[in-house]
Structure formats: C-alpha cells, structure tokens
N, C-alpha and C. Protein backbone atom coordinates (compact mmCIF):
# COMPACT_ATOMS: atom_id res chain seq x y z
N MET A 1 25.67 -6.81 -5.69
CA MET A 1 26.60 -7.27 -6.67
C MET A 1 26.52 -6.36 -7.87
N ASN A 2 27.59 -5.72 -8.25
CA ASN A 2 27.61 -4.77 -9.37
C ASN A 2 27.64 -5.56 -10.68
N SER A 3 27.02 -5.01 -11.69
CA SER A 3 26.97 -5.63 -12.99
C SER A 3 28.11 -5.10 -13.85
N PRO A 4 28.44 -5.83 -14.92
CA PRO A 4 29.50 -5.36 -15.81
C PRO A 4 29.11 -4.09 -16.56
N HIS A 5 27.83 -3.85 -16.79
CA HIS A 5 27.40 -2.61 -17.43
C HIS A 5 27.35 -1.51 -16.38
N GLN A 6 27.16 -0.28 -16.83
CA GLN A 6 27.21 0.81 -15.89
C GLN A 6 26.17 0.70 -14.79
N SER A 7 26.62 0.94 -13.59
CA SER A 7 25.74 0.83 -12.44
C SER A 7 25.49 2.26 -11.91
N LEU A 8 24.29 2.43 -11.39
CA LEU A 8 23.93 3.75 -10.81
C LEU A 8 24.24 3.80 -9.30
N THR A 9 24.74 2.69 -8.78
CA THR A 9 24.96 2.63 -7.35
C THR A 9 26.31 1.94 -7.06
N GLU A 10 26.82 2.19 -5.86
CA GLU A 10 28.02 1.50 -5.41
C GLU A 10 27.70 0.50 -4.31
N ILE A 11 26.45 0.33 -4.00
CA ILE A 11 26.09 -0.61 -2.93
C ILE A 11 26.44 -2.04 -3.39
N THR A 12 26.77 -2.90 -2.43
CA THR A 12 27.19 -4.25 -2.73
C THR A 12 26.48 -5.31 -1.90
N ASP A 13 25.47 -4.91 -1.16
CA ASP A 13 24.77 -5.91 -0.35
C ASP A 13 23.27 -5.71 -0.43
N ASP A 14 22.53 -6.82 -0.21
CA ASP A 14 21.09 -6.79 -0.34
C ASP A 14 20.41 -5.87 0.67
N ALA A 15 20.96 -5.79 1.89
CA ALA A 15 20.33 -4.95 2.93
C ALA A 15 20.38 -3.47 2.51
N SER A 16 21.48 -3.05 1.95
CA SER A 16 21.58 -1.65 1.49
C SER A 16 20.65 -1.40 0.33
N LEU A 17 20.57 -2.37 -0.59
CA LEU A 17 19.63 -2.26 -1.70
C LEU A 17 18.21 -2.12 -1.18
N LEU A 18 17.83 -2.95 -0.24
CA LEU A 18 16.49 -2.88 0.32
C LEU A 18 16.20 -1.52 0.90
N ARG A 19 17.14 -0.97 1.67
CA ARG A 19 16.94 0.39 2.27
C ARG A 19 16.76 1.41 1.18
N MET A 20 17.54 1.34 0.12
CA MET A 20 17.46 2.33 -0.96
C MET A 20 16.12 2.18 -1.68
N TRP A 21 15.67 0.97 -1.91
CA TRP A 21 14.43 0.69 -2.62
C TRP A 21 13.23 1.21 -1.81
N LEU A 22 13.32 1.12 -0.51
CA LEU A 22 12.17 1.57 0.34
C LEU A 22 12.14 3.08 0.55
N THR A 23 13.22 3.77 0.26
CA THR A 23 13.31 5.18 0.46
C THR A 23 12.21 5.91 -0.28
N GLY A 24 11.49 6.78 0.45
CA GLY A 24 10.42 7.57 -0.19
C GLY A 24 9.08 6.92 -0.17
N LYS A 25 9.00 5.66 0.19
CA LYS A 25 7.72 4.96 0.26
C LYS A 25 7.07 5.25 1.60
N GLY A 26 5.75 5.20 1.68
CA GLY A 26 5.06 5.48 2.92
C GLY A 26 5.39 4.46 3.99
N LYS A 27 5.14 4.83 5.23
CA LYS A 27 5.45 3.99 6.37
C LYS A 27 4.80 2.62 6.32
N GLN A 28 3.53 2.58 5.99
CA GLN A 28 2.81 1.33 5.92
C GLN A 28 3.30 0.47 4.73
N THR A 29 3.59 1.14 3.63
CA THR A 29 4.13 0.41 2.47
C THR A 29 5.49 -0.17 2.80
N GLN A 30 6.32 0.58 3.50
CA GLN A 30 7.63 0.05 3.94
C GLN A 30 7.46 -1.18 4.80
N LYS A 31 6.53 -1.15 5.72
CA LYS A 31 6.31 -2.30 6.61
C LYS A 31 5.90 -3.52 5.80
N LEU A 32 4.93 -3.34 4.91
CA LEU A 32 4.40 -4.42 4.09
C LEU A 32 5.51 -4.98 3.20
N TYR A 33 6.24 -4.13 2.49
CA TYR A 33 7.29 -4.55 1.59
C TYR A 33 8.41 -5.26 2.36
N THR A 34 8.81 -4.73 3.51
CA THR A 34 9.87 -5.36 4.31
C THR A 34 9.41 -6.74 4.77
N ARG A 35 8.20 -6.87 5.26
CA ARG A 35 7.68 -8.17 5.72
C ARG A 35 7.67 -9.17 4.57
N THR A 36 7.21 -8.74 3.39
CA THR A 36 7.11 -9.61 2.26
C THR A 36 8.48 -10.05 1.78
N VAL A 37 9.41 -9.14 1.66
CA VAL A 37 10.75 -9.46 1.19
C VAL A 37 11.48 -10.34 2.23
N ARG A 38 11.30 -10.09 3.51
CA ARG A 38 11.89 -10.94 4.52
C ARG A 38 11.38 -12.36 4.38
N GLN A 39 10.08 -12.51 4.18
CA GLN A 39 9.46 -13.82 3.99
C GLN A 39 10.06 -14.51 2.76
N PHE A 40 10.24 -13.75 1.69
CA PHE A 40 10.82 -14.31 0.49
C PHE A 40 12.23 -14.77 0.72
N PHE A 41 13.08 -13.95 1.33
CA PHE A 41 14.48 -14.31 1.59
C PHE A 41 14.57 -15.53 2.52
N GLU A 42 13.70 -15.60 3.52
CA GLU A 42 13.72 -16.75 4.43
C GLU A 42 13.38 -18.03 3.64
N PHE A 43 12.51 -17.93 2.68
CA PHE A 43 12.12 -19.09 1.94
C PHE A 43 13.25 -19.55 0.98
N VAL A 44 13.80 -18.60 0.20
CA VAL A 44 14.83 -18.98 -0.78
C VAL A 44 16.18 -19.24 -0.16
N GLY A 45 16.50 -18.57 0.94
CA GLY A 45 17.75 -18.76 1.62
C GLY A 45 18.99 -18.42 0.80
N ARG A 46 18.85 -17.44 -0.07
CA ARG A 46 19.96 -16.99 -0.94
C ARG A 46 20.00 -15.45 -1.03
N GLU A 47 21.15 -14.99 -1.50
CA GLU A 47 21.30 -13.58 -1.83
C GLU A 47 20.51 -13.30 -3.07
N LEU A 48 20.10 -12.07 -3.28
CA LEU A 48 19.30 -11.67 -4.44
C LEU A 48 19.95 -12.10 -5.77
N ALA A 49 21.21 -11.93 -5.90
CA ALA A 49 21.92 -12.21 -7.14
C ALA A 49 21.96 -13.72 -7.44
N ASP A 50 21.69 -14.53 -6.42
CA ASP A 50 21.75 -16.00 -6.59
C ASP A 50 20.38 -16.65 -6.75
N VAL A 51 19.33 -15.83 -6.80
CA VAL A 51 17.98 -16.38 -6.93
C VAL A 51 17.75 -16.79 -8.38
N HIS A 52 17.15 -17.96 -8.57
CA HIS A 52 16.84 -18.46 -9.90
C HIS A 52 15.31 -18.52 -10.07
N LEU A 53 14.91 -18.71 -11.28
CA LEU A 53 13.48 -18.77 -11.62
C LEU A 53 12.79 -19.88 -10.82
N GLU A 54 13.48 -21.00 -10.66
CA GLU A 54 12.90 -22.12 -9.89
C GLU A 54 12.61 -21.70 -8.44
N ASP A 55 13.51 -20.90 -7.84
CA ASP A 55 13.26 -20.41 -6.49
C ASP A 55 11.97 -19.63 -6.42
N LEU A 56 11.80 -18.73 -7.38
CA LEU A 56 10.59 -17.92 -7.42
C LEU A 56 9.32 -18.74 -7.61
N LEU A 57 9.37 -19.69 -8.48
CA LEU A 57 8.22 -20.54 -8.77
C LEU A 57 7.86 -21.37 -7.50
N GLN A 58 8.88 -21.89 -6.83
CA GLN A 58 8.64 -22.66 -5.59
C GLN A 58 8.06 -21.75 -4.50
N TRP A 59 8.55 -20.54 -4.39
CA TRP A 59 8.02 -19.59 -3.40
C TRP A 59 6.53 -19.29 -3.73
N MET A 60 6.25 -19.04 -4.98
CA MET A 60 4.87 -18.75 -5.40
C MET A 60 3.96 -19.93 -5.03
N GLU A 61 4.43 -21.13 -5.31
CA GLU A 61 3.64 -22.32 -4.99
C GLU A 61 3.43 -22.44 -3.50
N SER A 62 4.45 -22.12 -2.73
CA SER A 62 4.34 -22.22 -1.27
C SER A 62 3.27 -21.24 -0.71
N LEU A 63 3.13 -20.12 -1.36
CA LEU A 63 2.12 -19.13 -0.92
C LEU A 63 0.71 -19.71 -1.09
N SER A 64 0.51 -20.44 -2.17
CA SER A 64 -0.81 -21.07 -2.35
C SER A 64 -1.03 -22.18 -1.31
N PHE A 65 -0.01 -22.93 -1.01
CA PHE A 65 -0.14 -24.02 -0.01
C PHE A 65 -0.46 -23.43 1.39
N ARG A 66 -0.04 -22.20 1.64
CA ARG A 66 -0.30 -21.56 2.94
C ARG A 66 -1.67 -20.90 2.97
N HIS A 67 -2.44 -21.12 1.93
CA HIS A 67 -3.82 -20.66 1.84
C HIS A 67 -3.98 -19.13 1.84
N TYR A 68 -2.99 -18.43 1.26
CA TYR A 68 -3.15 -17.00 1.09
C TYR A 68 -4.22 -16.78 0.00
N SER A 69 -4.92 -15.70 0.07
CA SER A 69 -5.91 -15.40 -0.95
C SER A 69 -5.19 -15.02 -2.27
N LYS A 70 -5.94 -15.10 -3.34
CA LYS A 70 -5.36 -14.82 -4.66
C LYS A 70 -4.83 -13.36 -4.67
N ASN A 71 -5.54 -12.44 -4.01
CA ASN A 71 -5.08 -11.06 -3.99
C ASN A 71 -3.80 -10.90 -3.18
N THR A 72 -3.68 -11.62 -2.06
CA THR A 72 -2.45 -11.56 -1.27
C THR A 72 -1.27 -12.14 -2.04
N VAL A 73 -1.49 -13.24 -2.71
CA VAL A 73 -0.40 -13.84 -3.53
C VAL A 73 0.03 -12.87 -4.60
N SER A 74 -0.93 -12.27 -5.25
CA SER A 74 -0.65 -11.31 -6.33
C SER A 74 0.15 -10.11 -5.78
N LEU A 75 -0.21 -9.62 -4.60
CA LEU A 75 0.48 -8.51 -3.98
C LEU A 75 1.91 -8.88 -3.63
N LYS A 76 2.10 -10.05 -3.00
CA LYS A 76 3.44 -10.48 -2.64
C LYS A 76 4.34 -10.63 -3.83
N ILE A 77 3.81 -11.22 -4.89
CA ILE A 77 4.59 -11.39 -6.14
C ILE A 77 4.96 -10.04 -6.73
N SER A 78 4.01 -9.11 -6.70
CA SER A 78 4.27 -7.75 -7.21
C SER A 78 5.40 -7.04 -6.43
N VAL A 79 5.39 -7.23 -5.13
CA VAL A 79 6.43 -6.62 -4.28
C VAL A 79 7.79 -7.17 -4.64
N VAL A 80 7.93 -8.48 -4.77
CA VAL A 80 9.22 -9.09 -5.07
C VAL A 80 9.65 -8.71 -6.51
N LYS A 81 8.69 -8.69 -7.42
CA LYS A 81 9.02 -8.24 -8.79
C LYS A 81 9.53 -6.79 -8.79
N SER A 82 8.91 -5.96 -7.99
CA SER A 82 9.32 -4.58 -7.90
C SER A 82 10.76 -4.43 -7.39
N LEU A 83 11.11 -5.21 -6.38
CA LEU A 83 12.46 -5.19 -5.84
C LEU A 83 13.46 -5.63 -6.91
N PHE A 84 13.19 -6.71 -7.60
CA PHE A 84 14.10 -7.24 -8.64
C PHE A 84 14.23 -6.22 -9.77
N SER A 85 13.11 -5.64 -10.16
CA SER A 85 13.11 -4.66 -11.25
C SER A 85 13.97 -3.46 -10.86
N TYR A 86 13.80 -2.98 -9.65
CA TYR A 86 14.60 -1.83 -9.16
C TYR A 86 16.11 -2.20 -9.13
N ALA A 87 16.38 -3.40 -8.60
CA ALA A 87 17.80 -3.84 -8.53
C ALA A 87 18.43 -3.92 -9.90
N SER A 88 17.69 -4.37 -10.87
CA SER A 88 18.20 -4.46 -12.24
C SER A 88 18.32 -3.09 -12.86
N LYS A 89 17.35 -2.22 -12.62
CA LYS A 89 17.35 -0.87 -13.22
C LYS A 89 18.53 -0.05 -12.76
N ILE A 90 18.92 -0.17 -11.49
CA ILE A 90 20.03 0.62 -11.00
C ILE A 90 21.39 -0.04 -11.18
N GLY A 91 21.39 -1.25 -11.76
CA GLY A 91 22.65 -1.93 -12.06
C GLY A 91 23.17 -2.81 -10.95
N TYR A 92 22.38 -3.02 -9.90
CA TYR A 92 22.80 -3.91 -8.82
C TYR A 92 22.77 -5.37 -9.27
N LEU A 93 21.78 -5.70 -10.09
CA LEU A 93 21.69 -7.02 -10.68
C LEU A 93 21.95 -6.94 -12.19
N ASN A 94 22.55 -8.00 -12.76
CA ASN A 94 22.75 -8.07 -14.19
C ASN A 94 21.46 -8.35 -14.94
N PHE A 95 20.56 -9.08 -14.30
CA PHE A 95 19.36 -9.59 -14.95
C PHE A 95 18.20 -9.61 -13.96
N ASN A 96 17.02 -9.25 -14.45
CA ASN A 96 15.83 -9.32 -13.62
C ASN A 96 15.15 -10.65 -13.86
N VAL A 97 15.43 -11.60 -12.97
CA VAL A 97 14.87 -12.95 -13.15
C VAL A 97 13.33 -12.96 -13.01
N THR A 98 12.76 -11.97 -12.35
CA THR A 98 11.28 -11.95 -12.20
C THR A 98 10.58 -11.48 -13.46
N ALA A 99 11.34 -10.98 -14.42
CA ALA A 99 10.73 -10.55 -15.68
C ALA A 99 10.00 -11.71 -16.38
N ALA A 100 10.42 -12.93 -16.09
CA ALA A 100 9.82 -14.11 -16.69
C ALA A 100 8.51 -14.50 -16.05
N LEU A 101 8.18 -13.86 -14.88
CA LEU A 101 6.96 -14.20 -14.17
C LEU A 101 5.84 -13.26 -14.53
N SER A 102 4.65 -13.80 -14.53
CA SER A 102 3.50 -12.93 -14.68
C SER A 102 2.80 -12.89 -13.32
N THR A 103 2.29 -11.76 -12.99
CA THR A 103 1.58 -11.59 -11.69
C THR A 103 0.17 -12.10 -11.90
N PRO A 104 -0.34 -12.98 -11.02
CA PRO A 104 -1.70 -13.43 -11.14
C PRO A 104 -2.68 -12.25 -10.99
N SER A 105 -3.76 -12.29 -11.75
CA SER A 105 -4.72 -11.19 -11.65
C SER A 105 -5.40 -11.27 -10.29
N GLN A 106 -5.81 -10.10 -9.83
CA GLN A 106 -6.49 -10.01 -8.54
C GLN A 106 -8.01 -10.15 -8.72
N VAL A 107 -8.62 -10.64 -7.69
CA VAL A 107 -10.07 -10.74 -7.68
C VAL A 107 -10.62 -9.38 -7.23
N ASN A 108 -11.58 -8.85 -7.96
CA ASN A 108 -12.17 -7.57 -7.59
C ASN A 108 -13.26 -7.81 -6.54
N ALA A 109 -12.88 -7.69 -5.28
CA ALA A 109 -13.81 -7.94 -4.20
C ALA A 109 -14.35 -6.66 -3.66
N LEU A 110 -14.16 -5.54 -4.33
CA LEU A 110 -14.60 -4.24 -3.83
C LEU A 110 -16.10 -4.20 -3.59
N GLN A 111 -16.86 -4.75 -4.50
CA GLN A 111 -18.32 -4.71 -4.41
C GLN A 111 -18.79 -5.45 -3.14
N GLU A 112 -18.09 -6.49 -2.76
CA GLU A 112 -18.45 -7.25 -1.58
C GLU A 112 -18.25 -6.45 -0.27
N ARG A 113 -17.41 -5.41 -0.35
CA ARG A 113 -17.07 -4.62 0.84
C ARG A 113 -18.00 -3.44 1.03
N PHE A 114 -18.86 -3.14 0.09
CA PHE A 114 -19.77 -2.00 0.23
C PHE A 114 -20.85 -2.31 1.20
N LEU A 115 -21.19 -1.37 2.06
CA LEU A 115 -22.30 -1.50 2.95
C LEU A 115 -23.56 -0.92 2.33
N GLU A 116 -24.69 -1.52 2.62
CA GLU A 116 -25.95 -0.98 2.16
C GLU A 116 -26.23 0.33 2.95
N GLN A 117 -27.02 1.20 2.42
CA GLN A 117 -27.29 2.48 3.06
C GLN A 117 -27.83 2.31 4.46
N GLU A 118 -28.71 1.34 4.64
CA GLU A 118 -29.28 1.12 5.99
C GLU A 118 -28.19 0.60 6.97
N GLU A 119 -27.24 -0.18 6.47
CA GLU A 119 -26.18 -0.67 7.32
C GLU A 119 -25.28 0.51 7.75
N VAL A 120 -25.06 1.46 6.86
CA VAL A 120 -24.26 2.65 7.22
C VAL A 120 -25.00 3.48 8.25
N ARG A 121 -26.31 3.67 8.08
CA ARG A 121 -27.08 4.42 9.07
C ARG A 121 -27.01 3.76 10.46
N THR A 122 -27.11 2.41 10.49
CA THR A 122 -27.03 1.67 11.73
C THR A 122 -25.66 1.86 12.38
N LEU A 123 -24.61 1.76 11.58
CA LEU A 123 -23.27 1.93 12.05
C LEU A 123 -23.05 3.32 12.66
N ILE A 124 -23.43 4.34 11.93
CA ILE A 124 -23.29 5.73 12.40
C ILE A 124 -24.17 5.94 13.65
N GLY A 125 -25.37 5.42 13.63
CA GLY A 125 -26.30 5.59 14.77
C GLY A 125 -25.77 4.89 16.02
N ALA A 126 -25.01 3.82 15.87
CA ALA A 126 -24.47 3.09 17.02
C ALA A 126 -23.24 3.77 17.64
N ALA A 127 -22.65 4.71 16.88
CA ALA A 127 -21.45 5.40 17.38
C ALA A 127 -21.87 6.37 18.48
N LYS A 128 -20.93 6.62 19.39
CA LYS A 128 -21.16 7.56 20.47
C LYS A 128 -21.44 8.95 19.87
N PRO A 129 -22.52 9.61 20.36
CA PRO A 129 -22.84 10.95 19.83
C PRO A 129 -21.64 11.93 20.05
N GLY A 130 -21.55 12.87 19.14
CA GLY A 130 -20.46 13.85 19.23
C GLY A 130 -19.34 13.49 18.24
N ARG A 131 -18.13 13.45 18.74
CA ARG A 131 -16.95 13.26 17.89
C ARG A 131 -17.01 11.99 17.07
N ASP A 132 -17.31 10.85 17.70
CA ASP A 132 -17.31 9.55 16.99
C ASP A 132 -18.33 9.51 15.87
N ARG A 133 -19.54 9.93 16.18
CA ARG A 133 -20.59 9.93 15.16
C ARG A 133 -20.28 10.92 14.05
N SER A 134 -19.77 12.08 14.38
CA SER A 134 -19.40 13.06 13.37
C SER A 134 -18.28 12.56 12.50
N LEU A 135 -17.31 11.92 13.09
CA LEU A 135 -16.19 11.36 12.34
C LEU A 135 -16.66 10.32 11.34
N LEU A 136 -17.50 9.39 11.77
CA LEU A 136 -18.02 8.38 10.87
C LEU A 136 -18.86 9.00 9.74
N SER A 137 -19.65 10.01 10.11
CA SER A 137 -20.47 10.68 9.08
C SER A 137 -19.54 11.40 8.05
N LEU A 138 -18.50 12.02 8.54
CA LEU A 138 -17.53 12.68 7.67
C LEU A 138 -16.89 11.67 6.71
N ILE A 139 -16.46 10.56 7.21
CA ILE A 139 -15.82 9.51 6.39
C ILE A 139 -16.80 9.01 5.32
N TYR A 140 -18.00 8.72 5.75
CA TYR A 140 -19.01 8.17 4.82
C TYR A 140 -19.43 9.20 3.79
N THR A 141 -19.70 10.40 4.22
CA THR A 141 -20.25 11.44 3.32
C THR A 141 -19.20 11.93 2.31
N THR A 142 -17.95 12.07 2.74
CA THR A 142 -16.91 12.62 1.87
C THR A 142 -16.03 11.60 1.16
N GLY A 143 -16.06 10.35 1.65
CA GLY A 143 -15.18 9.34 1.07
C GLY A 143 -13.74 9.44 1.55
N LEU A 144 -13.50 10.16 2.62
CA LEU A 144 -12.13 10.26 3.17
C LEU A 144 -11.66 8.87 3.67
N ARG A 145 -10.42 8.61 3.58
CA ARG A 145 -9.84 7.45 4.25
C ARG A 145 -9.82 7.72 5.74
N ALA A 146 -9.89 6.63 6.52
CA ALA A 146 -9.87 6.77 7.98
C ALA A 146 -8.62 7.55 8.41
N SER A 147 -7.48 7.23 7.80
CA SER A 147 -6.20 7.88 8.18
C SER A 147 -6.26 9.40 7.84
N GLU A 148 -6.94 9.74 6.74
CA GLU A 148 -7.07 11.16 6.38
C GLU A 148 -7.92 11.88 7.39
N ALA A 149 -9.05 11.28 7.76
CA ALA A 149 -9.95 11.90 8.70
C ALA A 149 -9.30 12.06 10.08
N LEU A 150 -8.55 11.05 10.50
CA LEU A 150 -7.90 11.12 11.78
C LEU A 150 -6.75 12.14 11.83
N GLY A 151 -6.24 12.53 10.67
CA GLY A 151 -5.15 13.48 10.59
C GLY A 151 -5.61 14.92 10.49
N ILE A 152 -6.88 15.19 10.54
CA ILE A 152 -7.43 16.53 10.41
C ILE A 152 -7.20 17.34 11.67
N ASP A 153 -6.72 18.56 11.49
CA ASP A 153 -6.59 19.55 12.59
C ASP A 153 -7.62 20.64 12.33
N TRP A 154 -7.93 21.45 13.31
CA TRP A 154 -8.88 22.54 13.19
C TRP A 154 -8.52 23.49 12.03
N GLN A 155 -7.22 23.76 11.87
CA GLN A 155 -6.79 24.70 10.82
C GLN A 155 -7.00 24.11 9.38
N ASP A 156 -7.29 22.80 9.28
CA ASP A 156 -7.56 22.18 8.00
C ASP A 156 -8.98 22.43 7.51
N LEU A 157 -9.83 22.90 8.42
CA LEU A 157 -11.25 23.14 8.12
C LEU A 157 -11.48 24.61 7.79
N GLN A 158 -12.24 24.87 6.72
CA GLN A 158 -12.57 26.23 6.30
C GLN A 158 -14.03 26.34 5.97
N PRO A 159 -14.72 27.36 6.45
CA PRO A 159 -16.13 27.53 6.10
C PRO A 159 -16.29 27.97 4.64
N ARG A 160 -17.43 27.59 4.08
CA ARG A 160 -17.81 28.02 2.72
C ARG A 160 -19.27 28.45 2.76
N THR A 161 -19.74 28.99 1.71
CA THR A 161 -21.15 29.51 1.67
C THR A 161 -22.13 28.39 2.00
N ASN A 162 -21.98 27.21 1.41
CA ASN A 162 -22.94 26.11 1.64
C ASN A 162 -22.30 24.96 2.39
N GLY A 163 -21.65 25.26 3.48
CA GLY A 163 -20.99 24.19 4.24
C GLY A 163 -19.57 24.56 4.55
N GLY A 164 -18.68 23.64 4.21
CA GLY A 164 -17.28 23.91 4.48
C GLY A 164 -16.39 23.04 3.61
N GLN A 165 -15.12 23.10 3.89
CA GLN A 165 -14.16 22.26 3.17
C GLN A 165 -13.05 21.84 4.16
N VAL A 166 -12.42 20.75 3.82
CA VAL A 166 -11.31 20.27 4.60
C VAL A 166 -10.16 19.94 3.67
N THR A 167 -8.97 20.30 4.09
CA THR A 167 -7.79 19.99 3.34
C THR A 167 -7.10 18.82 4.06
N VAL A 168 -6.87 17.74 3.31
CA VAL A 168 -6.32 16.52 3.94
C VAL A 168 -5.04 16.08 3.24
N MET A 169 -4.21 15.41 3.98
CA MET A 169 -2.99 14.80 3.43
C MET A 169 -3.31 13.35 3.16
N GLY A 170 -3.31 12.97 1.85
CA GLY A 170 -3.66 11.60 1.46
C GLY A 170 -2.48 10.71 1.30
N LYS A 171 -2.72 9.60 0.63
CA LYS A 171 -1.68 8.63 0.38
C LYS A 171 -0.54 9.28 -0.43
N GLY A 172 0.64 8.91 -0.13
CA GLY A 172 1.77 9.44 -0.88
C GLY A 172 2.05 10.90 -0.62
N GLY A 173 1.50 11.46 0.45
CA GLY A 173 1.73 12.86 0.77
C GLY A 173 0.97 13.84 -0.09
N LYS A 174 -0.03 13.33 -0.86
CA LYS A 174 -0.78 14.18 -1.73
C LYS A 174 -1.83 14.95 -0.93
N VAL A 175 -1.90 16.26 -1.17
CA VAL A 175 -2.86 17.11 -0.48
C VAL A 175 -4.04 17.29 -1.36
N ARG A 176 -5.25 17.21 -0.79
CA ARG A 176 -6.47 17.47 -1.52
C ARG A 176 -7.48 18.16 -0.66
N THR A 177 -8.41 18.84 -1.31
CA THR A 177 -9.47 19.56 -0.60
C THR A 177 -10.78 18.85 -0.89
N VAL A 178 -11.53 18.65 0.16
CA VAL A 178 -12.82 17.95 0.07
C VAL A 178 -13.95 18.87 0.61
N LEU A 179 -15.04 18.94 -0.14
CA LEU A 179 -16.15 19.77 0.28
C LEU A 179 -17.03 19.00 1.32
N ILE A 180 -17.58 19.75 2.23
CA ILE A 180 -18.45 19.17 3.28
C ILE A 180 -19.80 19.88 3.18
N ASN A 181 -20.89 19.10 3.11
CA ASN A 181 -22.21 19.69 2.95
C ASN A 181 -22.63 20.42 4.24
N GLN A 182 -23.66 21.24 4.13
CA GLN A 182 -24.09 22.13 5.22
C GLN A 182 -24.45 21.37 6.50
N SER A 183 -25.23 20.31 6.39
CA SER A 183 -25.69 19.61 7.59
C SER A 183 -24.49 18.96 8.34
N LEU A 184 -23.59 18.37 7.58
CA LEU A 184 -22.41 17.76 8.22
C LEU A 184 -21.50 18.86 8.81
N TRP A 185 -21.37 19.98 8.09
CA TRP A 185 -20.54 21.06 8.58
C TRP A 185 -21.09 21.57 9.93
N GLN A 186 -22.36 21.65 10.09
CA GLN A 186 -22.96 22.11 11.34
C GLN A 186 -22.66 21.11 12.50
N GLN A 187 -22.58 19.83 12.18
CA GLN A 187 -22.21 18.85 13.23
C GLN A 187 -20.86 19.15 13.74
C-alpha cells in the first residue's frame, strides 16, 4: 500500500515487500526471518497495512503462552519490528505501528554455554583422529565459527614463520584472516 508521501517503491503487496526486505540478507537469516514473519501473518490474519497495535500485543502475548524463551521472543519481535520499520522507511506503509513497542531485553546466557578447558580436551580427544580432531582443534584454538571452518579450502591456508594463517569468509560475507599457532599448523 503506497503512502500519500513520497514512496521509494512501486510495490503494492506484502509478498513483494517481504522479498525486497530479505534481499542481501544471508541465507540462514532469510530462513529465520521468513519463518518468523509467516508465523506473525498467520496469527494476525491481516495485510501489513491493516495490522494494529492490539494485534502486535496479542501476538507477543501468544509467544509467551507457547513457552518460547525470553531471547526467542525478543528475536521474533525484533524481526517483525525490522519489517515494519523497513516498510515505513521506503514508503510502503504510512506509519510504523511497531514503533510503539519496546523489544524485551535478552538474557545473556553466553557464560552458560562456555565449556571448561577439561571438557574441551575431552571433546577433542573423543573426535576421530585426523580431520575431525584437527577441525575441532582449529575451531577451539582460533575461535572460528563452525561454518567458517567448514568453508576452508586448501588455497585459504598460508604458511607463516611461526605457524600459518587462514582466510575465512565470515557472517555477512566479511573476509578475515586468522593466525594459527605452530603446533596446530603442523596438524
């Protein structure tokens, strides 16, 4: 739905808006956002332009009733707010109804996910010798994401005086170089 003020787009339907909003986002982000927005639309049963604050509040309440964690609820609300903000920014919507909502703060559970050093040794030691054990050691030692480590090709590895380095493609297509210590490089 075009607004009376200047619009940056000629699209007139929610599906086209959704495709435009997802453009340029990573594959996993697109899946998550699509799933969340689909869930939202199924709940409210309306076009984006017809959503009211009450619809959003009821949806948020329903997430709690479904026993989603506080972090999941916060993420889902952030996704829907992002869509509405984008739709308003490009002139598809006259008003961003989600601007009246605050996103619940997330619980910092990062510390709970850390393994103790002995647990890491046990995990690496239990892996099959060779590729699997080296891959786990690489991830633990360098802090690479699993997806980054799995995307490494031989040409991404370069020797250095005291070990080596690997160039990886990270989140959002960002390229970075990570140093590898001598003992891991020899593995």
